[in-house]
Amino acid sequence: MRTTTEALPGLTLTSLTLDVPLDHADPAAGTIEIFARVVTGEGGEDRPYLVFLQGGPGNEAPRPTLVPAGPSWLPRALEEFRVVLLDQRGTGRSTPVSATVARREGRVEARVAAPLAGLGVADQAAYLTHLRADEIVHDCEAVREALGVPRWTVLGQSFGGFTALHYLSSHPGSLAGALLTGGLSAVGHPIEDIYATTWRTMIRKSEEHYRRFPGDRDRVRRLSALCAQGGISLPNGDPVSADRFRTVGLRLGMQGGSEQLHYLLGLDPGSAAFAHDLAALLPFTGRNPLYAVLHESSYADGVATRWAAERTMPDQVREDVTLLGGEHLHRSLFAEDTELAAFAEVADLVAEHAWNRLYLLEQLARAEVPVAAAVYQHDAYVPLEYSLETAALLPDCRTWVTSEYEHNGLRMDPAVLDHLIGLLRGRRWQ
């Protein structure tokens, strides 16, 4: 383990870099680097550890700034814990997966960068299959052991909660507790059922948006027609299809997202401002390729995904361009985005990969770990009914079902974490 320490006013930051196996089941397959940052508040040197697992997949951990700044939940966490911010493998400073972009003969081309550069497509796909929740948990265990911590608490947001659920399945003895926000994944349900449910939620979210902003429906219809004619493009020149434009609906699952979409639709679609703002709102881009390549694997509990979101799109949505999508990936995105195009062939192979099981019912039922979970009643990405089923599988899961927040509640209000810590400690919400 390699460490460095630096200070911000009120914070001590200790950076850790470890070499871990790419495949923990086959250490001879090579190693990758894992990076984590331990954040300690003033006077917190003897506090227990809390490891934060970011949403995604494919997102690095947040970078701490001065207390009481970001992330917004961090000051509350530091009152009781030393916080470990883990860059999940393939992200941030943990041997990141990305593409390089260059202009050749007047054309912009993208190629995969290290560590995938030089590998054939089949080997690239095999590499990416080791970047899922099960291997991330192995990395957590390596960091925990390197710190000499017998047990710690995990805070999992969204996909980070899915990862924490696997942690409960595989290494419950390493956990003093688990805090989950929008992260109780479906267990034992076909991936098609999960995506069909989220499509129905997005139909409701779309209709709710148009009730708030009635004029936006015609604006979306006109913009979709422009997209179909090749009339909408991003600042880098990439054209935006109607299917890709539909993915801006992901914002409807976040607090403040409906307003963001409304303000975008109020801009002149031929302006640079519109192109830049649209680029910022599109969820699946080359900025974060793992989010696109591995997203569906998050719900793949022992199955191949085979572009499940696209396969389960309801006819009602296909026929009405104003009904927007959420975390619903279209295969065509890998042809449209210059940087994602570098991953097009490998994404097809990953979609056919038969994933191993993540959640074993009998092991979850024996996980005697206190769990406090925020379940968002109108969550666009993690359906309420499946979350409650999963909560019932755990021996000691204290759920807080709320309609006050959307999926990004943890980032929006530190009261969310405060409530969950109270539940974990056995305190009632005041």
Protein backbone atom coordinates (compact mmCIF):
# COMPACT_ATOMS: atom_id res chain seq x y z
CA MET A 1 0.00 0.00 0.00
CA ARG A 2 1.27 3.46 -0.92
CA THR A 3 0.02 6.45 1.08
CA THR A 4 0.24 10.22 1.06
CA THR A 5 -1.34 12.72 3.44
CA GLU A 6 -2.43 16.30 2.90
CA ALA A 7 -4.61 18.76 4.75
CA LEU A 8 -7.47 21.10 4.07
CA PRO A 9 -8.82 23.40 6.78
CA GLY A 10 -10.68 21.08 9.13
CA LEU A 11 -9.87 17.94 7.12
CA THR A 12 -7.04 15.43 6.84
CA LEU A 13 -6.90 13.53 3.55
CA THR A 14 -4.95 10.28 3.37
CA SER A 15 -4.65 8.79 -0.11
CA LEU A 16 -4.15 5.04 -0.49
CA THR A 17 -3.11 3.13 -3.60
CA LEU A 18 -3.15 -0.68 -3.61
CA ASP A 19 -2.35 -3.30 -6.21
CA VAL A 20 -5.13 -5.89 -6.36
CA PRO A 21 -5.91 -8.77 -8.74
CA LEU A 22 -8.00 -7.92 -11.79
CA ASP A 23 -9.71 -11.26 -11.17
CA HIS A 24 -9.74 -12.14 -7.49
CA ALA A 25 -10.54 -15.75 -8.43
CA ASP A 26 -7.43 -15.89 -10.61
CA PRO A 27 -4.60 -13.73 -9.21
CA ALA A 28 -2.34 -14.85 -12.06
CA ALA A 29 -4.48 -12.83 -14.50
CA GLY A 30 -2.66 -9.62 -13.52
CA THR A 31 -3.22 -6.66 -11.24
CA ILE A 32 -4.81 -3.23 -11.30
CA GLU A 33 -4.49 -0.23 -9.01
CA ILE A 34 -7.20 0.74 -6.56
CA PHE A 35 -7.30 4.26 -5.14
CA ALA A 36 -9.13 5.40 -2.02
CA ARG A 37 -9.05 8.60 0.00
CA VAL A 38 -9.64 8.56 3.77
CA VAL A 39 -11.21 11.81 4.99
CA THR A 40 -10.87 12.61 8.69
CA GLY A 41 -12.59 15.54 10.32
CA GLU A 42 -11.11 17.64 13.08
CA GLY A 43 -10.77 15.48 16.20
CA GLY A 44 -11.98 12.40 14.34
CA GLU A 45 -8.79 10.33 14.40
CA ASP A 46 -10.33 7.60 16.58
CA ARG A 47 -13.75 7.43 14.92
CA PRO A 48 -14.87 4.22 13.16
CA TYR A 49 -14.67 3.94 9.39
CA LEU A 50 -17.46 4.39 6.86
CA VAL A 51 -16.76 3.44 3.23
CA PHE A 52 -18.80 5.27 0.58
CA LEU A 53 -19.83 3.38 -2.55
CA GLN A 54 -20.78 5.74 -5.36
CA GLY A 55 -23.66 5.34 -7.76
CA GLY A 56 -23.15 4.43 -11.39
CA PRO A 57 -21.64 2.13 -12.40
CA GLY A 58 -18.62 3.96 -13.69
CA ASN A 59 -18.49 6.99 -11.41
CA GLU A 60 -15.48 7.83 -9.28
CA ALA A 61 -15.94 8.87 -5.67
CA PRO A 62 -16.65 12.54 -4.98
CA ARG A 63 -13.68 14.79 -4.26
CA PRO A 64 -13.94 16.44 -0.84
CA THR A 65 -13.82 20.20 -0.54
CA LEU A 66 -13.75 22.46 2.48
CA VAL A 67 -16.23 21.70 5.24
CA PRO A 68 -19.14 22.49 5.11
CA ALA A 69 -18.97 22.18 1.31
CA GLY A 70 -19.24 19.10 -0.87
CA PRO A 71 -20.37 16.51 -1.00
CA SER A 72 -23.26 17.82 1.04
CA TRP A 73 -23.59 14.68 3.18
CA LEU A 74 -19.89 14.55 4.14
CA PRO A 75 -19.94 16.94 7.14
CA ARG A 76 -22.69 14.86 8.77
CA ALA A 77 -20.79 11.65 8.12
CA LEU A 78 -17.58 13.10 9.59
CA GLU A 79 -19.35 13.80 12.87
CA GLU A 80 -19.33 10.06 13.53
CA PHE A 81 -16.92 8.43 11.08
CA ARG A 82 -13.71 8.57 9.17
CA VAL A 83 -14.94 8.36 5.58
CA VAL A 84 -13.27 6.21 2.94
CA LEU A 85 -14.00 7.50 -0.59
CA LEU A 86 -13.24 4.59 -2.92
CA ASP A 87 -12.73 5.09 -6.64
CA GLN A 88 -14.40 1.92 -7.84
CA ARG A 89 -12.25 -0.07 -10.24
CA GLY A 90 -12.19 1.40 -13.73
CA THR A 91 -12.95 4.93 -12.49
CA GLY A 92 -11.08 7.98 -11.21
CA ARG A 93 -7.58 6.92 -10.17
CA SER A 94 -8.39 3.19 -9.98
CA THR A 95 -6.92 2.09 -13.34
CA PRO A 96 -9.59 4.04 -15.25
CA VAL A 97 -11.21 2.84 -18.47
CA SER A 98 -11.57 5.53 -21.12
CA ALA A 99 -11.04 6.40 -24.77
CA THR A 100 -8.69 8.79 -26.53
CA VAL A 101 -9.93 11.10 -29.25
CA ALA A 102 -7.91 12.35 -32.21
CA ARG A 103 -8.61 14.05 -35.54
CA ARG A 104 -7.32 12.12 -38.54
CA GLU A 105 -7.82 13.21 -42.14
CA GLY A 106 -10.56 15.58 -41.09
CA ARG A 107 -12.45 12.98 -39.06
CA VAL A 108 -12.67 12.62 -35.31
CA GLU A 109 -11.86 9.09 -34.20
CA ALA A 110 -11.82 7.46 -30.79
CA ARG A 111 -9.83 4.49 -29.60
CA VAL A 112 -9.84 2.70 -26.29
CA ALA A 113 -7.02 3.78 -24.02
CA ALA A 114 -4.97 1.78 -21.53
CA PRO A 115 -5.67 -0.67 -19.94
CA LEU A 116 -7.78 -1.92 -22.89
CA ALA A 117 -5.48 -0.63 -25.65
CA GLY A 118 -3.72 -3.46 -27.44
CA LEU A 119 -6.28 -6.08 -26.45
CA GLY A 120 -8.60 -7.79 -28.89
CA VAL A 121 -12.31 -7.13 -28.56
CA ALA A 122 -12.97 -10.44 -26.78
CA ASP A 123 -10.21 -9.72 -24.27
CA GLN A 124 -11.54 -6.19 -23.74
CA ALA A 125 -14.96 -7.61 -22.95
CA ALA A 126 -13.44 -10.19 -20.59
CA TYR A 127 -11.57 -7.39 -18.79
CA LEU A 128 -14.74 -5.34 -18.34
CA THR A 129 -16.60 -8.27 -16.79
CA HIS A 130 -14.27 -7.86 -13.80
CA LEU A 131 -15.46 -4.32 -13.02
CA ARG A 132 -18.78 -5.24 -11.46
CA ALA A 133 -20.08 -5.20 -7.86
CA ASP A 134 -18.62 -8.57 -6.86
CA GLU A 135 -15.06 -7.51 -7.67
CA ILE A 136 -15.62 -4.07 -6.13
CA VAL A 137 -16.49 -5.79 -2.86
CA HIS A 138 -13.22 -7.74 -3.04
CA ASP A 139 -11.45 -4.38 -3.46
CA CYS A 140 -13.26 -3.02 -0.41
CA GLU A 141 -12.01 -5.97 1.56
CA ALA A 142 -8.45 -5.29 0.40
CA VAL A 143 -8.70 -1.65 1.53
CA ARG A 144 -10.28 -2.64 4.85
CA GLU A 145 -7.51 -5.13 5.56
CA ALA A 146 -4.83 -2.64 4.54
CA LEU A 147 -6.27 -0.16 7.05
CA GLY A 148 -6.33 -2.85 9.74
CA VAL A 149 -10.06 -2.39 10.33
CA PRO A 150 -11.97 -5.42 11.69
CA ARG A 151 -15.38 -4.10 10.59
CA TRP A 152 -16.70 -0.93 9.03
CA THR A 153 -19.97 0.62 7.93
CA VAL A 154 -20.89 0.99 4.27
CA LEU A 155 -22.87 3.84 2.71
CA GLY A 156 -24.19 2.87 -0.72
CA GLN A 157 -25.92 5.28 -3.12
CA SER A 158 -27.90 3.67 -5.97
CA PHE A 159 -25.49 1.24 -7.71
CA GLY A 160 -23.34 1.63 -4.59
CA GLY A 161 -26.30 0.21 -2.66
CA PHE A 162 -26.44 -2.74 -5.07
CA THR A 163 -22.76 -3.28 -4.33
CA ALA A 164 -23.45 -3.05 -0.59
CA LEU A 165 -26.19 -5.66 -1.01
CA HIS A 166 -23.63 -8.02 -2.54
CA TYR A 167 -21.33 -7.15 0.37
CA LEU A 168 -24.09 -8.34 2.71
CA SER A 169 -24.35 -11.53 0.63
CA SER A 170 -20.66 -12.33 0.58
CA HIS A 171 -18.84 -10.71 3.56
CA PRO A 172 -21.39 -9.79 6.23
CA GLY A 173 -18.81 -10.36 8.97
CA SER A 174 -16.85 -7.34 7.70
CA LEU A 175 -19.78 -4.95 8.17
CA ALA A 176 -20.80 -3.15 11.34
CA GLY A 177 -23.78 -1.69 9.48
CA ALA A 178 -25.08 -0.62 6.08
CA LEU A 179 -26.72 2.65 5.01
CA LEU A 180 -28.47 2.47 1.64
CA THR A 181 -30.01 5.31 -0.36
CA GLY A 182 -32.04 4.30 -3.41
CA GLY A 183 -29.97 1.13 -3.45
CA LEU A 184 -32.14 -1.88 -2.55
CA SER A 185 -31.93 -3.78 -5.82
CA ALA A 186 -34.48 -6.29 -7.02
CA VAL A 187 -33.56 -9.84 -6.06
CA GLY A 188 -34.84 -12.87 -7.93
CA HIS A 189 -36.65 -10.93 -10.67
CA PRO A 190 -35.90 -11.19 -14.41
CA ILE A 191 -34.09 -8.18 -15.80
CA GLU A 192 -36.93 -7.71 -18.30
CA ASP A 193 -39.42 -7.23 -15.46
CA ILE A 194 -37.22 -4.60 -13.84
CA TYR A 195 -36.85 -2.55 -17.01
CA ALA A 196 -40.53 -2.91 -17.87
CA THR A 197 -41.36 -1.49 -14.45
CA THR A 198 -38.99 1.45 -14.85
CA TRP A 199 -40.44 2.21 -18.29
CA ARG A 200 -43.90 2.49 -16.70
CA THR A 201 -42.45 4.83 -14.09
CA MET A 202 -40.93 7.01 -16.80
CA ILE A 203 -44.28 7.27 -18.58
CA ARG A 204 -45.70 8.67 -15.33
CA LYS A 205 -42.70 10.99 -14.86
CA SER A 206 -43.09 12.31 -18.41
CA GLU A 207 -46.78 13.02 -17.94
CA GLU A 208 -46.08 14.74 -14.60
CA HIS A 209 -43.53 16.98 -16.33
CA TYR A 210 -46.02 18.01 -19.02
CA ARG A 211 -48.65 18.79 -16.40
CA ARG A 212 -46.15 21.18 -14.81
CA PHE A 213 -44.95 22.62 -18.12
CA PRO A 214 -47.70 22.04 -20.72
CA GLY A 215 -45.84 23.78 -23.53
CA ASP A 216 -42.90 21.40 -23.27
CA ARG A 217 -44.73 18.53 -24.96
CA ASP A 218 -44.86 20.34 -28.31
CA ARG A 219 -41.26 21.47 -27.88
CA VAL A 220 -40.13 17.86 -27.34
CA ARG A 221 -42.16 16.74 -30.35
CA ARG A 222 -40.54 19.39 -32.57
CA LEU A 223 -37.05 18.64 -31.28
CA SER A 224 -37.50 14.91 -31.86
CA ALA A 225 -38.54 15.66 -35.44
CA LEU A 226 -35.42 17.81 -35.88
CA CYS A 227 -33.31 14.97 -34.49
CA ALA A 228 -34.85 12.54 -36.99
CA GLN A 229 -33.89 14.97 -39.79
CA GLY A 230 -30.30 15.28 -38.55
CA GLY A 231 -30.92 18.84 -37.40
CA ILE A 232 -29.61 18.58 -33.83
CA SER A 233 -25.94 18.10 -33.02
CA LEU A 234 -23.60 18.50 -30.06
CA PRO A 235 -20.66 20.92 -29.84
CA ASN A 236 -18.27 18.16 -31.00
CA GLY A 237 -20.35 17.63 -34.14
CA ASP A 238 -22.05 14.39 -33.09
CA PRO A 239 -25.63 14.25 -34.40
CA VAL A 240 -28.34 13.43 -31.88
CA SER A 241 -30.99 10.91 -32.90
CA ALA A 242 -34.54 10.93 -31.54
CA ASP A 243 -33.71 7.84 -29.46
CA ARG A 244 -30.70 9.53 -27.95
CA PHE A 245 -32.62 12.72 -27.27
CA ARG A 246 -35.17 10.63 -25.36
CA THR A 247 -32.49 9.82 -22.75
CA VAL A 248 -32.63 13.39 -21.38
CA GLY A 249 -35.63 12.04 -19.49
CA LEU A 250 -33.20 10.56 -16.99
CA ARG A 251 -33.24 14.01 -15.37
CA LEU A 252 -36.90 13.55 -14.47
CA GLY A 253 -35.83 11.03 -11.83
CA MET A 254 -33.78 13.64 -9.97
CA GLN A 255 -34.79 16.56 -7.81
CA GLY A 256 -34.42 19.69 -9.92
CA GLY A 257 -34.26 17.64 -13.12
CA SER A 258 -37.67 18.64 -14.43
CA GLU A 259 -36.67 22.28 -14.18
CA GLN A 260 -33.35 21.56 -15.94
CA LEU A 261 -35.20 19.94 -18.82
CA HIS A 262 -37.69 22.81 -19.02
CA TYR A 263 -34.92 25.39 -19.23
CA LEU A 264 -33.18 23.39 -21.97
CA LEU A 265 -36.38 23.25 -23.99
CA GLY A 266 -36.74 27.02 -23.77
CA LEU A 267 -33.51 27.60 -25.73
CA ASP A 268 -33.17 28.07 -29.47
CA PRO A 269 -32.28 24.55 -30.75
CA GLY A 270 -29.92 26.08 -33.28
CA SER A 271 -27.90 27.94 -30.66
CA ALA A 272 -24.57 26.99 -29.15
CA ALA A 273 -26.16 27.35 -25.71
CA PHE A 274 -28.69 24.63 -26.54
CA ALA A 275 -26.00 22.30 -27.89
CA HIS A 276 -23.82 22.69 -24.80
CA ASP A 277 -26.70 22.36 -22.35
CA LEU A 278 -28.02 19.29 -24.16
CA ALA A 279 -24.58 17.69 -24.05
CA ALA A 280 -24.47 18.30 -20.29
CA LEU A 281 -27.86 16.64 -19.75
CA LEU A 282 -27.29 13.50 -21.84
CA PRO A 283 -26.50 10.64 -19.46
CA PHE A 284 -24.67 8.11 -21.65
CA THR A 285 -21.51 9.68 -23.08
CA GLY A 286 -17.84 8.98 -23.59
CA ARG A 287 -17.08 11.03 -20.48
CA ASN A 288 -18.10 7.96 -18.51
CA PRO A 289 -18.04 4.92 -20.84
CA LEU A 290 -18.52 2.33 -18.10
CA TYR A 291 -21.92 3.81 -17.27
CA ALA A 292 -23.02 2.92 -20.78
CA VAL A 293 -21.14 -0.37 -21.25
CA LEU A 294 -21.89 -1.87 -17.84
CA HIS A 295 -25.12 -0.23 -16.77
CA GLU A 296 -27.44 -3.12 -17.60
CA SER A 297 -25.13 -5.56 -15.83
CA SER A 298 -26.17 -3.85 -12.58
CA TYR A 299 -29.49 -5.71 -12.83
CA ALA A 300 -28.04 -8.95 -14.24
CA ASP A 301 -28.35 -11.45 -11.42
CA GLY A 302 -27.22 -14.61 -13.18
CA VAL A 303 -28.36 -13.71 -16.72
CA ALA A 304 -27.19 -12.05 -19.94
CA THR A 305 -28.71 -8.60 -20.51
CA ARG A 306 -29.03 -8.57 -24.33
CA TRP A 307 -29.99 -4.88 -24.45
CA ALA A 308 -32.88 -5.41 -22.04
CA ALA A 309 -33.95 -1.76 -21.82
CA GLU A 310 -34.39 -1.52 -25.58
CA ARG A 311 -36.15 -4.89 -25.79
CA THR A 312 -38.68 -3.94 -23.13
CA MET A 313 -39.60 -0.48 -24.45
CA PRO A 314 -43.42 -0.38 -24.46
CA ASP A 315 -45.24 0.21 -27.75
CA GLN A 316 -46.79 3.27 -26.12
CA VAL A 317 -43.32 4.80 -25.79
CA ARG A 318 -42.21 3.77 -29.29
CA GLU A 319 -45.24 5.50 -30.73
CA ASP A 320 -45.02 8.70 -28.68
CA VAL A 321 -41.72 10.59 -28.86
CA THR A 322 -42.76 12.81 -25.97
CA LEU A 323 -42.56 9.90 -23.51
CA LEU A 324 -38.98 10.08 -22.29
CA GLY A 325 -36.62 7.41 -21.00
CA GLY A 326 -34.65 7.13 -17.80
CA GLU A 327 -31.70 4.79 -17.41
CA HIS A 328 -32.78 3.10 -20.64
CA LEU A 329 -29.82 2.51 -22.90
CA HIS A 330 -30.22 2.25 -26.68
CA ARG A 331 -27.70 0.15 -28.57
CA SER A 332 -27.48 2.84 -31.25
CA LEU A 333 -25.79 5.21 -28.78
CA PHE A 334 -22.53 3.38 -29.39
CA ALA A 335 -22.69 4.40 -33.03
CA GLU A 336 -23.71 8.01 -32.32
CA ASP A 337 -21.26 9.14 -29.65
CA THR A 338 -17.73 9.57 -31.00
CA GLU A 339 -16.08 8.33 -27.82
CA LEU A 340 -18.56 5.51 -27.08
CA ALA A 341 -18.01 4.26 -30.63
CA ALA A 342 -14.66 2.93 -29.45
CA PHE A 343 -16.61 0.53 -27.20
CA ALA A 344 -19.32 -0.52 -29.69
CA GLU A 345 -18.05 -4.03 -30.42
CA VAL A 346 -17.11 -4.76 -26.85
CA ALA A 347 -20.53 -3.52 -25.64
CA ASP A 348 -22.19 -6.11 -27.89
CA LEU A 349 -20.07 -8.86 -26.34
CA VAL A 350 -20.76 -7.63 -22.80
CA ALA A 351 -24.50 -7.67 -23.59
CA GLU A 352 -24.21 -11.39 -24.39
CA HIS A 353 -22.11 -12.24 -21.34
CA ALA A 354 -23.77 -14.65 -18.88
CA TRP A 355 -23.23 -12.90 -15.56
CA ASN A 356 -22.84 -14.78 -12.33
CA ARG A 357 -25.30 -14.46 -9.45
CA LEU A 358 -24.87 -11.41 -7.22
CA TYR A 359 -27.46 -12.02 -4.53
CA LEU A 360 -27.98 -15.36 -2.81
CA LEU A 361 -31.26 -15.46 -0.91
CA GLU A 362 -30.09 -17.82 1.79
CA GLN A 363 -27.00 -15.74 2.50
CA LEU A 364 -28.94 -12.48 2.62
CA ALA A 365 -31.37 -14.10 5.07
CA ARG A 366 -28.42 -14.93 7.35
CA ALA A 367 -26.75 -11.50 7.15
CA GLU A 368 -27.11 -10.36 10.76
CA VAL A 369 -26.04 -6.80 9.97
CA PRO A 370 -28.17 -3.75 10.85
CA VAL A 371 -29.29 -2.00 7.67
CA ALA A 372 -30.99 1.39 7.33
CA ALA A 373 -32.40 2.08 3.86
CA ALA A 374 -33.99 5.13 2.28
CA VAL A 375 -36.54 3.88 -0.25
CA TYR A 376 -37.83 6.63 -2.53
CA GLN A 377 -41.50 6.10 -3.27
CA HIS A 378 -41.33 7.44 -6.83
CA ASP A 379 -37.80 6.24 -7.68
CA ALA A 380 -37.38 6.16 -11.47
CA TYR A 381 -34.51 3.68 -11.42
CA VAL A 382 -34.97 1.37 -8.41
CA PRO A 383 -38.64 0.35 -8.23
CA LEU A 384 -40.32 0.72 -4.84
CA GLU A 385 -42.03 -2.67 -4.86
CA TYR A 386 -38.81 -4.58 -5.51
CA SER A 387 -36.91 -2.58 -2.89
CA LEU A 388 -39.48 -3.46 -0.23
CA GLU A 389 -39.30 -7.13 -1.20
CA THR A 390 -35.54 -7.06 -0.80
CA ALA A 391 -35.76 -5.26 2.52
CA ALA A 392 -38.02 -8.06 3.78
CA LEU A 393 -35.31 -10.62 2.95
CA LEU A 394 -32.83 -9.04 5.35
CA PRO A 395 -33.01 -9.97 9.04
CA ASP A 396 -32.55 -6.40 10.30
CA CYS A 397 -33.45 -3.83 7.64
CA ARG A 398 -35.05 -0.60 8.84
CA THR A 399 -36.67 1.10 5.86
CA TRP A 400 -37.65 4.72 5.50
CA VAL A 401 -40.11 5.06 2.61
CA THR A 402 -40.40 8.67 1.55
CA SER A 403 -41.96 10.70 -1.24
CA GLU A 404 -40.10 13.83 -0.12
CA TYR A 405 -37.00 13.02 -2.17
CA GLU A 406 -36.14 11.66 -5.58
CA HIS A 407 -33.26 9.30 -6.37
CA ASN A 408 -30.61 11.94 -5.68
CA GLY A 409 -31.89 12.69 -2.18
CA LEU A 410 -28.54 11.95 -0.52
CA ARG A 411 -26.84 14.67 -2.57
CA MET A 412 -29.68 17.14 -2.12
CA ASP A 413 -30.13 17.14 1.64
CA PRO A 414 -27.80 16.02 4.47
CA ALA A 415 -30.93 15.26 6.49
CA VAL A 416 -31.21 12.03 4.50
CA LEU A 417 -27.97 10.68 5.94
CA ASP A 418 -28.84 12.02 9.38
CA HIS A 419 -32.13 10.13 9.29
CA LEU A 420 -30.43 6.89 8.22
CA ILE A 421 -27.76 7.15 10.91
CA GLY A 422 -30.57 7.61 13.42
CA LEU A 423 -32.32 4.49 12.12
CA LEU A 424 -29.12 2.52 12.31
CA ARG A 425 -28.59 3.65 15.90
CA GLY A 426 -32.19 2.81 16.79
CA ARG A 427 -33.36 6.43 17.08
CA ARG A 428 -36.70 7.58 15.79
CA TRP A 429 -37.02 10.35 13.21
CA GLN A 430 -37.84 13.66 14.87
